[in-house]
């Protein structure tokens, strides 16, 4: 998988470089050189009321999303282009979780749900995590609680066939049951 990703990125980079060389050689008039706006999913549809949030929430979400994307970009470069190229994506994301925790005091961690934990650190440890794993395994999309001044949310992440082959016994027949990992996010709450 990592070799495929590296090959795909190399091909894409080569294509982009070739396109840049060709486009700079025969420069079109200014109007034709304007960047094309790529349509984004949902960007041209008005948001309904359930997607609208107060300005303070929007600012906070934007800052968190920015920090997450930036940290992910750096982790991907470190693990797939500068250092070990055999790092598993879930392990590379641990760097992102560490950055988020350091910057915002939000705790993010993986838990195993209905597959073998690839690390003992991913076994559900608290009562919340054990209950969340049960709920996600039974088909719930997420599980949440507010306790001890902290909002906790565990969401299921469906494992694809490439993930399942490592997380389950390779000699066992493939199960028709969807397999999940869990992502637990814990956010400290302000006193009300």
N, C-alpha and C. Protein backbone atom coordinates (compact mmCIF):
# COMPACT_ATOMS: atom_id res chain seq x y z
N UNK A 1 0.83 -1.19 0.00
CA UNK A 1 0.00 0.00 0.00
C UNK A 1 0.87 1.25 0.00
N UNK A 2 1.93 1.27 0.83
CA UNK A 2 2.81 2.43 0.90
C UNK A 2 3.53 2.64 -0.42
N UNK A 3 3.96 1.56 -1.05
CA UNK A 3 4.62 1.68 -2.35
C UNK A 3 3.66 2.24 -3.39
N UNK A 4 2.41 1.78 -3.35
CA UNK A 4 1.41 2.31 -4.28
C UNK A 4 1.19 3.79 -4.07
N UNK A 5 1.10 4.20 -2.79
CA UNK A 5 0.91 5.61 -2.47
C UNK A 5 2.09 6.44 -2.97
N UNK A 6 3.30 5.95 -2.73
CA UNK A 6 4.50 6.65 -3.18
C UNK A 6 4.54 6.73 -4.70
N UNK A 7 4.21 5.63 -5.37
CA UNK A 7 4.18 5.62 -6.84
C UNK A 7 3.14 6.60 -7.36
N UNK A 8 1.95 6.58 -6.76
CA UNK A 8 0.89 7.50 -7.19
C UNK A 8 1.32 8.95 -7.00
N UNK A 9 1.92 9.26 -5.87
CA UNK A 9 2.39 10.63 -5.62
C UNK A 9 3.48 11.03 -6.60
N UNK A 10 4.38 10.09 -6.91
CA UNK A 10 5.44 10.37 -7.88
C UNK A 10 4.86 10.65 -9.27
N UNK A 11 3.90 9.83 -9.67
CA UNK A 11 3.26 10.04 -10.98
C UNK A 11 2.54 11.38 -11.00
N UNK A 12 1.80 11.68 -9.91
CA UNK A 12 1.08 12.94 -9.83
C UNK A 12 2.05 14.12 -9.86
N UNK A 13 3.14 14.04 -9.10
CA UNK A 13 4.12 15.13 -9.09
C UNK A 13 4.74 15.30 -10.47
N UNK A 14 5.08 14.19 -11.13
CA UNK A 14 5.63 14.28 -12.49
C UNK A 14 4.65 14.91 -13.46
N UNK A 15 3.38 14.55 -13.34
CA UNK A 15 2.35 15.13 -14.20
C UNK A 15 2.21 16.62 -13.95
N UNK A 16 2.23 17.01 -12.69
CA UNK A 16 2.11 18.43 -12.36
C UNK A 16 3.30 19.24 -12.88
N UNK A 17 4.49 18.68 -12.74
CA UNK A 17 5.70 19.36 -13.23
C UNK A 17 5.63 19.49 -14.75
N UNK A 18 5.25 18.39 -15.42
CA UNK A 18 5.13 18.43 -16.89
C UNK A 18 4.10 19.46 -17.32
N UNK A 19 2.97 19.49 -16.64
CA UNK A 19 1.91 20.44 -16.98
C UNK A 19 2.38 21.87 -16.76
N UNK A 20 3.15 22.10 -15.70
CA UNK A 20 3.66 23.44 -15.42
C UNK A 20 4.64 23.88 -16.49
N UNK A 21 5.49 22.96 -16.94
CA UNK A 21 6.47 23.30 -17.97
C UNK A 21 5.76 23.62 -19.28
N UNK A 22 4.80 22.77 -19.65
CA UNK A 22 4.06 22.99 -20.90
C UNK A 22 3.27 24.28 -20.84
N UNK A 23 2.58 24.52 -19.71
CA UNK A 23 1.75 25.72 -19.64
C UNK A 23 2.58 26.99 -19.59
N UNK A 24 3.78 26.93 -19.03
CA UNK A 24 4.60 28.14 -18.99
C UNK A 24 5.23 28.42 -20.35
N UNK A 25 5.39 27.38 -21.18
CA UNK A 25 5.99 27.56 -22.50
C UNK A 25 5.06 28.32 -23.44
N UNK A 26 3.79 28.04 -23.39
CA UNK A 26 2.86 28.76 -24.27
C UNK A 26 1.83 29.47 -23.40
N UNK A 27 2.25 30.57 -22.80
CA UNK A 27 1.40 31.31 -21.88
C UNK A 27 0.21 31.93 -22.60
N UNK A 28 -1.01 31.60 -22.16
CA UNK A 28 -2.20 32.19 -22.75
C UNK A 28 -2.42 33.60 -22.22
N UNK A 29 -3.36 34.33 -22.81
CA UNK A 29 -3.68 35.66 -22.30
C UNK A 29 -4.09 35.59 -20.82
N UNK A 30 -4.04 36.75 -20.16
CA UNK A 30 -4.32 36.81 -18.72
C UNK A 30 -5.64 36.15 -18.32
N UNK A 31 -6.72 36.38 -19.10
CA UNK A 31 -8.02 35.80 -18.72
C UNK A 31 -7.97 34.28 -18.72
N UNK A 32 -7.26 33.71 -19.68
CA UNK A 32 -7.21 32.25 -19.77
C UNK A 32 -6.33 31.65 -18.69
N UNK A 33 -5.43 32.46 -18.09
CA UNK A 33 -4.54 31.95 -17.04
C UNK A 33 -5.15 32.01 -15.66
N UNK A 34 -6.34 32.57 -15.52
CA UNK A 34 -6.98 32.64 -14.21
C UNK A 34 -7.20 31.22 -13.70
N UNK A 35 -6.94 31.00 -12.43
CA UNK A 35 -7.13 29.65 -11.90
C UNK A 35 -8.58 29.22 -12.00
N UNK A 36 -8.77 27.97 -12.34
CA UNK A 36 -10.12 27.43 -12.41
C UNK A 36 -10.55 27.07 -11.00
N UNK A 37 -11.76 27.45 -10.66
CA UNK A 37 -12.29 27.14 -9.35
C UNK A 37 -12.85 25.73 -9.39
N UNK A 38 -12.31 24.88 -8.55
CA UNK A 38 -12.76 23.50 -8.48
C UNK A 38 -13.98 23.44 -7.57
N UNK A 39 -15.09 22.90 -8.08
CA UNK A 39 -16.28 22.83 -7.22
C UNK A 39 -16.03 21.90 -6.04
N UNK A 40 -16.48 22.33 -4.88
CA UNK A 40 -16.33 21.52 -3.67
C UNK A 40 -17.68 20.92 -3.30
N UNK A 41 -17.64 19.80 -2.68
CA UNK A 41 -18.87 19.12 -2.28
C UNK A 41 -19.69 20.03 -1.38
N UNK A 42 -20.90 20.32 -1.78
CA UNK A 42 -21.81 21.11 -0.96
C UNK A 42 -21.55 22.60 -0.97
N UNK A 43 -20.51 23.05 -1.65
CA UNK A 43 -20.15 24.47 -1.60
C UNK A 43 -21.19 25.36 -2.26
N UNK A 44 -21.89 24.84 -3.25
CA UNK A 44 -22.86 25.68 -3.95
C UNK A 44 -24.28 25.48 -3.44
N UNK A 45 -24.45 24.66 -2.41
CA UNK A 45 -25.76 24.44 -1.82
C UNK A 45 -25.87 25.25 -0.54
N UNK A 46 -27.01 25.91 -0.32
CA UNK A 46 -27.15 26.65 0.94
C UNK A 46 -27.22 25.68 2.12
N UNK A 47 -26.60 26.06 3.22
CA UNK A 47 -26.60 25.22 4.42
C UNK A 47 -27.96 25.27 5.07
N UNK A 48 -28.47 24.11 5.48
CA UNK A 48 -29.73 24.11 6.19
C UNK A 48 -29.46 24.44 7.66
N UNK A 49 -30.51 24.60 8.43
CA UNK A 49 -30.36 25.08 9.81
C UNK A 49 -29.53 24.15 10.69
N UNK A 50 -29.53 22.85 10.43
CA UNK A 50 -28.74 21.97 11.28
C UNK A 50 -27.24 22.11 11.05
N UNK A 51 -26.83 22.72 9.93
CA UNK A 51 -25.41 22.93 9.65
C UNK A 51 -24.93 24.33 9.99
N UNK A 52 -25.84 25.18 10.39
CA UNK A 52 -25.46 26.56 10.76
C UNK A 52 -25.10 26.60 12.24
N UNK A 53 -24.03 27.31 12.55
CA UNK A 53 -23.55 27.40 13.93
C UNK A 53 -23.26 28.86 14.26
N UNK A 54 -23.22 29.19 15.55
CA UNK A 54 -22.84 30.55 15.94
C UNK A 54 -21.40 30.86 15.51
N UNK A 55 -21.09 32.15 15.36
CA UNK A 55 -19.78 32.60 14.91
C UNK A 55 -18.66 32.04 15.79
N UNK A 56 -18.84 32.04 17.10
CA UNK A 56 -17.78 31.54 18.00
C UNK A 56 -17.51 30.06 17.74
N UNK A 57 -18.55 29.29 17.50
CA UNK A 57 -18.37 27.86 17.20
C UNK A 57 -17.66 27.70 15.86
N UNK A 58 -18.07 28.50 14.87
CA UNK A 58 -17.44 28.43 13.55
C UNK A 58 -15.95 28.75 13.64
N UNK A 59 -15.59 29.78 14.38
CA UNK A 59 -14.18 30.13 14.54
C UNK A 59 -13.41 28.99 15.19
N UNK A 60 -13.99 28.41 16.24
CA UNK A 60 -13.32 27.31 16.93
C UNK A 60 -13.16 26.11 16.02
N UNK A 61 -14.22 25.75 15.29
CA UNK A 61 -14.13 24.61 14.37
C UNK A 61 -13.09 24.86 13.28
N UNK A 62 -13.08 26.05 12.74
CA UNK A 62 -12.12 26.37 11.68
C UNK A 62 -10.69 26.28 12.20
N UNK A 63 -10.46 26.80 13.40
CA UNK A 63 -9.11 26.73 13.98
C UNK A 63 -8.71 25.27 14.23
N UNK A 64 -9.63 24.46 14.75
CA UNK A 64 -9.33 23.05 15.00
C UNK A 64 -9.09 22.29 13.70
N UNK A 65 -9.92 22.56 12.70
CA UNK A 65 -9.73 21.89 11.41
C UNK A 65 -8.40 22.28 10.78
N UNK A 66 -8.05 23.56 10.87
CA UNK A 66 -6.78 24.03 10.33
C UNK A 66 -5.63 23.30 11.02
N UNK A 67 -5.66 23.27 12.35
CA UNK A 67 -4.59 22.61 13.10
C UNK A 67 -4.50 21.13 12.75
N UNK A 68 -5.64 20.48 12.58
CA UNK A 68 -5.66 19.05 12.25
C UNK A 68 -5.10 18.78 10.86
N UNK A 69 -5.53 19.58 9.90
CA UNK A 69 -5.04 19.39 8.53
C UNK A 69 -3.55 19.69 8.45
N UNK A 70 -3.11 20.77 9.09
CA UNK A 70 -1.69 21.11 9.07
C UNK A 70 -0.85 20.00 9.70
N UNK A 71 -1.29 19.52 10.85
CA UNK A 71 -0.55 18.46 11.52
C UNK A 71 -0.54 17.19 10.69
N UNK A 72 -1.66 16.87 10.04
CA UNK A 72 -1.74 15.69 9.18
C UNK A 72 -0.77 15.81 8.01
N UNK A 73 -0.74 16.97 7.40
CA UNK A 73 0.17 17.20 6.28
C UNK A 73 1.62 16.96 6.70
N UNK A 74 2.01 17.52 7.85
CA UNK A 74 3.38 17.34 8.33
C UNK A 74 3.67 15.87 8.66
N UNK A 75 2.71 15.19 9.30
CA UNK A 75 2.91 13.78 9.64
C UNK A 75 3.06 12.93 8.38
N UNK A 76 2.24 13.18 7.37
CA UNK A 76 2.34 12.42 6.12
C UNK A 76 3.69 12.63 5.47
N UNK A 77 4.16 13.88 5.46
CA UNK A 77 5.48 14.14 4.87
C UNK A 77 6.59 13.45 5.65
N UNK A 78 6.52 13.53 6.98
CA UNK A 78 7.56 12.88 7.80
C UNK A 78 7.58 11.38 7.58
N UNK A 79 6.42 10.76 7.61
CA UNK A 79 6.37 9.30 7.57
C UNK A 79 6.44 8.70 6.18
N UNK A 80 6.02 9.42 5.16
CA UNK A 80 5.96 8.82 3.84
C UNK A 80 6.93 9.41 2.82
N UNK A 81 7.55 10.53 3.16
CA UNK A 81 8.46 11.13 2.19
C UNK A 81 9.84 11.43 2.76
N UNK A 82 9.99 11.48 4.09
CA UNK A 82 11.27 11.84 4.66
C UNK A 82 11.89 10.72 5.49
N UNK A 83 11.09 9.95 6.20
CA UNK A 83 11.62 8.93 7.11
C UNK A 83 11.21 7.56 6.64
N UNK A 84 10.70 6.78 7.62
CA UNK A 84 10.27 5.43 7.34
C UNK A 84 9.09 5.47 6.39
N UNK A 85 9.17 4.74 5.33
CA UNK A 85 8.08 4.74 4.37
C UNK A 85 7.13 3.57 4.61
N UNK A 86 7.38 2.82 5.66
CA UNK A 86 6.54 1.66 5.93
C UNK A 86 5.62 1.88 7.13
N UNK A 87 5.52 3.10 7.61
CA UNK A 87 4.67 3.40 8.75
C UNK A 87 3.21 3.23 8.37
N UNK A 88 2.45 2.59 9.23
CA UNK A 88 1.01 2.43 9.00
C UNK A 88 0.32 3.78 9.17
N UNK A 89 -0.70 4.06 8.36
CA UNK A 89 -1.40 5.35 8.46
C UNK A 89 -1.94 5.63 9.86
N UNK A 90 -2.50 4.64 10.54
CA UNK A 90 -3.03 4.86 11.89
C UNK A 90 -1.92 5.27 12.85
N UNK A 91 -0.72 4.73 12.65
CA UNK A 91 0.42 5.11 13.49
C UNK A 91 0.88 6.53 13.17
N UNK A 92 0.89 6.87 11.90
CA UNK A 92 1.28 8.23 11.51
C UNK A 92 0.31 9.25 12.11
N UNK A 93 -0.97 8.89 12.18
CA UNK A 93 -1.95 9.82 12.76
C UNK A 93 -1.74 10.03 14.25
N UNK A 94 -1.04 9.11 14.91
CA UNK A 94 -0.75 9.30 16.33
C UNK A 94 0.03 10.61 16.53
N UNK A 95 0.90 10.95 15.58
CA UNK A 95 1.61 12.23 15.65
C UNK A 95 0.63 13.39 15.63
N UNK A 96 -0.40 13.28 14.80
CA UNK A 96 -1.44 14.31 14.72
C UNK A 96 -2.16 14.40 16.07
N UNK A 97 -2.51 13.26 16.65
CA UNK A 97 -3.19 13.25 17.94
C UNK A 97 -2.32 13.94 19.00
N UNK A 98 -1.02 13.66 18.98
CA UNK A 98 -0.11 14.28 19.95
C UNK A 98 -0.06 15.79 19.77
N UNK A 99 0.00 16.25 18.51
CA UNK A 99 0.00 17.69 18.24
C UNK A 99 -1.28 18.34 18.74
N UNK A 100 -2.41 17.71 18.46
CA UNK A 100 -3.70 18.27 18.89
C UNK A 100 -3.74 18.36 20.41
N UNK A 101 -3.31 17.32 21.08
CA UNK A 101 -3.32 17.31 22.54
C UNK A 101 -2.43 18.39 23.13
N UNK A 102 -1.26 18.55 22.54
CA UNK A 102 -0.31 19.55 23.03
C UNK A 102 -0.86 20.96 22.82
N UNK A 103 -1.50 21.20 21.67
CA UNK A 103 -1.97 22.55 21.33
C UNK A 103 -3.31 22.91 21.96
N UNK A 104 -4.21 21.93 22.13
CA UNK A 104 -5.56 22.29 22.57
C UNK A 104 -6.04 21.52 23.80
N UNK A 105 -5.23 20.62 24.33
CA UNK A 105 -5.60 19.79 25.47
C UNK A 105 -6.78 18.88 25.17
N UNK A 106 -7.00 18.61 23.89
CA UNK A 106 -8.01 17.64 23.47
C UNK A 106 -7.29 16.31 23.32
N UNK A 107 -7.84 15.28 23.94
CA UNK A 107 -7.24 13.96 23.88
C UNK A 107 -7.91 13.16 22.77
N UNK A 108 -7.11 12.60 21.87
CA UNK A 108 -7.62 11.79 20.77
C UNK A 108 -6.86 10.47 20.80
N UNK A 109 -7.62 9.36 20.72
CA UNK A 109 -6.96 8.06 20.72
C UNK A 109 -7.80 7.02 20.00
N UNK A 110 -7.11 5.99 19.51
CA UNK A 110 -7.76 4.85 18.87
C UNK A 110 -8.21 3.86 19.92
N UNK A 111 -9.31 3.15 19.65
CA UNK A 111 -9.65 1.97 20.42
C UNK A 111 -10.06 0.87 19.44
N UNK A 112 -9.81 -0.36 19.82
CA UNK A 112 -10.30 -1.47 19.01
C UNK A 112 -11.77 -1.66 19.36
N UNK A 113 -12.56 -2.04 18.36
CA UNK A 113 -14.00 -2.23 18.58
C UNK A 113 -14.35 -3.70 18.44
N UNK A 114 -14.25 -4.22 17.23
CA UNK A 114 -14.60 -5.63 17.03
C UNK A 114 -13.53 -6.35 16.21
N UNK A 115 -12.29 -5.92 16.40
CA UNK A 115 -11.14 -6.60 15.80
C UNK A 115 -10.02 -6.63 16.84
N UNK A 116 -8.99 -7.33 16.54
CA UNK A 116 -7.82 -7.41 17.42
C UNK A 116 -7.14 -6.04 17.48
N UNK A 117 -6.82 -5.61 18.68
CA UNK A 117 -6.06 -4.36 18.83
C UNK A 117 -4.65 -4.60 18.33
N UNK A 118 -4.16 -3.68 17.51
CA UNK A 118 -2.81 -3.83 16.98
C UNK A 118 -1.76 -3.34 17.98
N UNK A 119 -2.21 -2.71 19.04
CA UNK A 119 -1.33 -2.25 20.11
C UNK A 119 -2.11 -2.39 21.41
N UNK A 120 -1.44 -2.76 22.49
CA UNK A 120 -2.15 -2.85 23.77
C UNK A 120 -2.69 -1.49 24.19
N UNK A 121 -2.10 -0.42 23.67
CA UNK A 121 -2.59 0.94 23.97
C UNK A 121 -3.97 1.18 23.36
N UNK A 122 -4.39 0.34 22.40
CA UNK A 122 -5.67 0.56 21.73
C UNK A 122 -6.80 -0.27 22.31
N UNK A 123 -6.52 -1.06 23.31
CA UNK A 123 -7.60 -1.78 23.99
C UNK A 123 -8.46 -0.77 24.74
N UNK A 124 -9.80 -0.89 24.67
CA UNK A 124 -10.65 0.01 25.46
C UNK A 124 -10.28 -0.12 26.94
N UNK A 125 -10.03 1.01 27.61
CA UNK A 125 -9.53 0.96 28.98
C UNK A 125 -10.57 1.40 29.99
N UNK A 126 -11.25 2.49 29.73
CA UNK A 126 -12.20 3.03 30.71
C UNK A 126 -13.58 2.43 30.49
N UNK A 127 -14.47 2.64 31.44
CA UNK A 127 -15.86 2.18 31.28
C UNK A 127 -16.48 2.82 30.05
N UNK A 128 -16.20 4.11 29.83
CA UNK A 128 -16.73 4.80 28.65
C UNK A 128 -16.26 4.11 27.37
N UNK A 129 -14.97 3.83 27.27
CA UNK A 129 -14.42 3.21 26.06
C UNK A 129 -14.97 1.81 25.83
N UNK A 130 -15.14 1.05 26.89
CA UNK A 130 -15.68 -0.30 26.75
C UNK A 130 -17.13 -0.26 26.27
N UNK A 131 -17.90 0.65 26.84
CA UNK A 131 -19.30 0.81 26.42
C UNK A 131 -19.37 1.33 24.98
N UNK A 132 -18.50 2.27 24.64
CA UNK A 132 -18.47 2.82 23.27
C UNK A 132 -18.15 1.72 22.27
N UNK A 133 -17.20 0.86 22.58
CA UNK A 133 -16.84 -0.23 21.67
C UNK A 133 -18.04 -1.15 21.46
N UNK A 134 -18.79 -1.44 22.52
CA UNK A 134 -19.98 -2.28 22.40
C UNK A 134 -21.03 -1.61 21.52
N UNK A 135 -21.27 -0.32 21.74
CA UNK A 135 -22.28 0.41 20.97
C UNK A 135 -21.92 0.48 19.48
N UNK A 136 -20.66 0.77 19.19
CA UNK A 136 -20.22 0.87 17.79
C UNK A 136 -20.29 -0.51 17.13
N UNK A 137 -19.87 -1.55 17.85
CA UNK A 137 -19.93 -2.91 17.29
C UNK A 137 -21.37 -3.33 17.00
N UNK A 138 -22.33 -2.79 17.78
CA UNK A 138 -23.73 -3.15 17.57
C UNK A 138 -24.39 -2.33 16.46
N UNK A 139 -23.64 -1.40 15.87
CA UNK A 139 -24.19 -0.64 14.74
C UNK A 139 -24.37 0.84 14.98
N UNK A 140 -24.14 1.32 16.20
CA UNK A 140 -24.25 2.75 16.46
C UNK A 140 -23.10 3.49 15.78
N UNK A 141 -23.40 4.65 15.21
CA UNK A 141 -22.36 5.44 14.55
C UNK A 141 -21.39 6.05 15.55
N UNK A 142 -21.94 6.47 16.70
CA UNK A 142 -21.09 7.09 17.72
C UNK A 142 -21.73 6.92 19.09
N UNK A 143 -20.96 7.25 20.11
CA UNK A 143 -21.40 7.15 21.49
C UNK A 143 -20.77 8.32 22.22
N UNK A 144 -21.54 9.01 23.05
CA UNK A 144 -20.99 10.18 23.75
C UNK A 144 -21.47 10.25 25.19
N UNK A 145 -20.69 10.95 25.99
CA UNK A 145 -21.00 11.18 27.40
C UNK A 145 -20.34 12.48 27.84
N UNK A 146 -20.96 13.13 28.83
CA UNK A 146 -20.34 14.26 29.52
C UNK A 146 -20.16 13.80 30.96
N UNK A 147 -18.91 13.78 31.41
CA UNK A 147 -18.63 13.39 32.79
C UNK A 147 -17.33 14.02 33.26
N UNK A 148 -17.30 14.36 34.51
CA UNK A 148 -16.09 14.93 35.13
C UNK A 148 -15.57 16.14 34.36
N UNK A 149 -16.47 16.99 33.87
CA UNK A 149 -16.06 18.20 33.16
C UNK A 149 -15.46 17.97 31.79
N UNK A 150 -15.74 16.80 31.20
CA UNK A 150 -15.18 16.47 29.89
C UNK A 150 -16.26 15.89 28.99
N UNK A 151 -16.30 16.36 27.75
CA UNK A 151 -17.17 15.78 26.72
C UNK A 151 -16.37 14.70 26.01
N UNK A 152 -16.92 13.50 25.96
CA UNK A 152 -16.25 12.39 25.29
C UNK A 152 -17.15 11.87 24.17
N UNK A 153 -16.54 11.67 23.01
CA UNK A 153 -17.25 11.12 21.86
C UNK A 153 -16.39 10.03 21.24
N UNK A 154 -16.99 8.88 21.02
CA UNK A 154 -16.32 7.79 20.32
C UNK A 154 -17.10 7.56 19.04
N UNK A 155 -16.42 7.60 17.92
CA UNK A 155 -17.06 7.36 16.64
C UNK A 155 -16.42 6.16 15.97
N UNK A 156 -17.23 5.41 15.24
CA UNK A 156 -16.72 4.24 14.54
C UNK A 156 -16.01 4.61 13.26
N UNK A 157 -14.96 3.89 12.95
CA UNK A 157 -14.25 4.04 11.68
C UNK A 157 -14.24 2.66 11.03
N UNK A 158 -14.97 2.56 9.93
CA UNK A 158 -15.09 1.27 9.25
C UNK A 158 -13.74 0.87 8.65
N UNK A 159 -13.35 -0.36 8.87
CA UNK A 159 -12.08 -0.86 8.36
C UNK A 159 -12.30 -1.47 6.98
N UNK A 160 -11.50 -1.05 6.03
CA UNK A 160 -11.56 -1.59 4.69
C UNK A 160 -10.88 -2.96 4.64
N UNK A 161 -10.92 -3.57 3.48
CA UNK A 161 -10.37 -4.92 3.34
C UNK A 161 -8.87 -4.96 3.65
N UNK A 162 -8.13 -3.92 3.29
CA UNK A 162 -6.70 -3.88 3.60
C UNK A 162 -6.44 -3.82 5.09
N UNK A 163 -7.31 -3.13 5.82
CA UNK A 163 -7.16 -3.03 7.28
C UNK A 163 -7.52 -4.36 7.94
N UNK A 164 -8.64 -4.93 7.49
CA UNK A 164 -9.15 -6.15 8.11
C UNK A 164 -8.16 -7.30 7.99
N UNK A 165 -7.43 -7.35 6.89
CA UNK A 165 -6.50 -8.46 6.70
C UNK A 165 -5.43 -8.50 7.78
N UNK A 166 -5.06 -7.37 8.34
CA UNK A 166 -4.07 -7.36 9.43
C UNK A 166 -4.74 -7.47 10.80
N UNK A 167 -5.93 -6.91 10.94
CA UNK A 167 -6.60 -6.88 12.24
C UNK A 167 -7.31 -8.17 12.59
N UNK A 168 -7.44 -9.09 11.65
CA UNK A 168 -8.08 -10.37 11.93
C UNK A 168 -7.11 -11.48 11.57
N UNK A 169 -7.41 -12.67 12.01
CA UNK A 169 -6.56 -13.81 11.71
C UNK A 169 -6.64 -14.10 10.22
N UNK A 170 -5.51 -14.16 9.55
CA UNK A 170 -5.51 -14.34 8.11
C UNK A 170 -6.00 -15.71 7.68
N UNK A 171 -6.00 -16.71 8.59
CA UNK A 171 -6.45 -18.05 8.23
C UNK A 171 -7.95 -18.25 8.45
N UNK A 172 -8.57 -17.30 9.14
CA UNK A 172 -10.01 -17.43 9.41
C UNK A 172 -10.80 -17.00 8.17
N UNK A 173 -11.98 -17.60 7.97
CA UNK A 173 -12.79 -17.17 6.83
C UNK A 173 -13.23 -15.72 7.03
N UNK A 174 -13.33 -14.99 5.92
CA UNK A 174 -13.73 -13.59 6.00
C UNK A 174 -15.15 -13.48 6.53
N UNK A 175 -15.34 -12.64 7.52
CA UNK A 175 -16.65 -12.42 8.13
C UNK A 175 -17.44 -11.41 7.31
N UNK A 176 -18.73 -11.57 7.29
CA UNK A 176 -19.61 -10.60 6.62
C UNK A 176 -19.91 -9.42 7.55
N UNK A 177 -19.55 -9.56 8.82
CA UNK A 177 -19.79 -8.50 9.80
C UNK A 177 -18.84 -7.35 9.55
N UNK A 178 -19.36 -6.12 9.42
CA UNK A 178 -18.45 -4.98 9.25
C UNK A 178 -17.52 -4.85 10.46
N UNK A 179 -16.28 -4.51 10.20
CA UNK A 179 -15.28 -4.37 11.26
C UNK A 179 -14.98 -2.88 11.46
N UNK A 180 -14.81 -2.51 12.73
CA UNK A 180 -14.61 -1.12 13.08
C UNK A 180 -13.46 -0.93 14.06
N UNK A 181 -12.84 0.22 13.96
CA UNK A 181 -11.98 0.76 15.01
C UNK A 181 -12.81 1.90 15.60
N UNK A 182 -12.34 2.46 16.69
CA UNK A 182 -13.04 3.60 17.28
C UNK A 182 -12.07 4.75 17.45
N UNK A 183 -12.57 5.95 17.29
CA UNK A 183 -11.79 7.15 17.53
C UNK A 183 -12.44 7.87 18.69
N UNK A 184 -11.72 7.98 19.80
CA UNK A 184 -12.25 8.62 21.01
C UNK A 184 -11.65 10.02 21.11
N UNK A 185 -12.54 11.01 21.23
CA UNK A 185 -12.12 12.41 21.36
C UNK A 185 -12.66 12.92 22.68
N UNK A 186 -11.78 13.45 23.52
CA UNK A 186 -12.17 13.97 24.83
C UNK A 186 -11.80 15.45 24.88
N UNK A 187 -12.81 16.28 25.15
CA UNK A 187 -12.63 17.73 25.15
C UNK A 187 -13.02 18.29 26.52
N UNK A 188 -12.10 19.03 27.17
CA UNK A 188 -12.45 19.62 28.48
C UNK A 188 -13.49 20.72 28.29
N UNK A 189 -14.47 20.75 29.18
CA UNK A 189 -15.55 21.73 29.11
C UNK A 189 -15.33 22.87 30.10
N UNK A 190 -15.78 24.05 29.71
CA UNK A 190 -15.74 25.20 30.61
C UNK A 190 -16.82 25.03 31.67
N UNK A 191 -16.54 25.52 32.87
CA UNK A 191 -17.54 25.45 33.96
C UNK A 191 -18.72 26.34 33.59
N UNK A 192 -19.92 25.85 33.84
CA UNK A 192 -21.12 26.64 33.51
C UNK A 192 -21.64 27.35 34.70
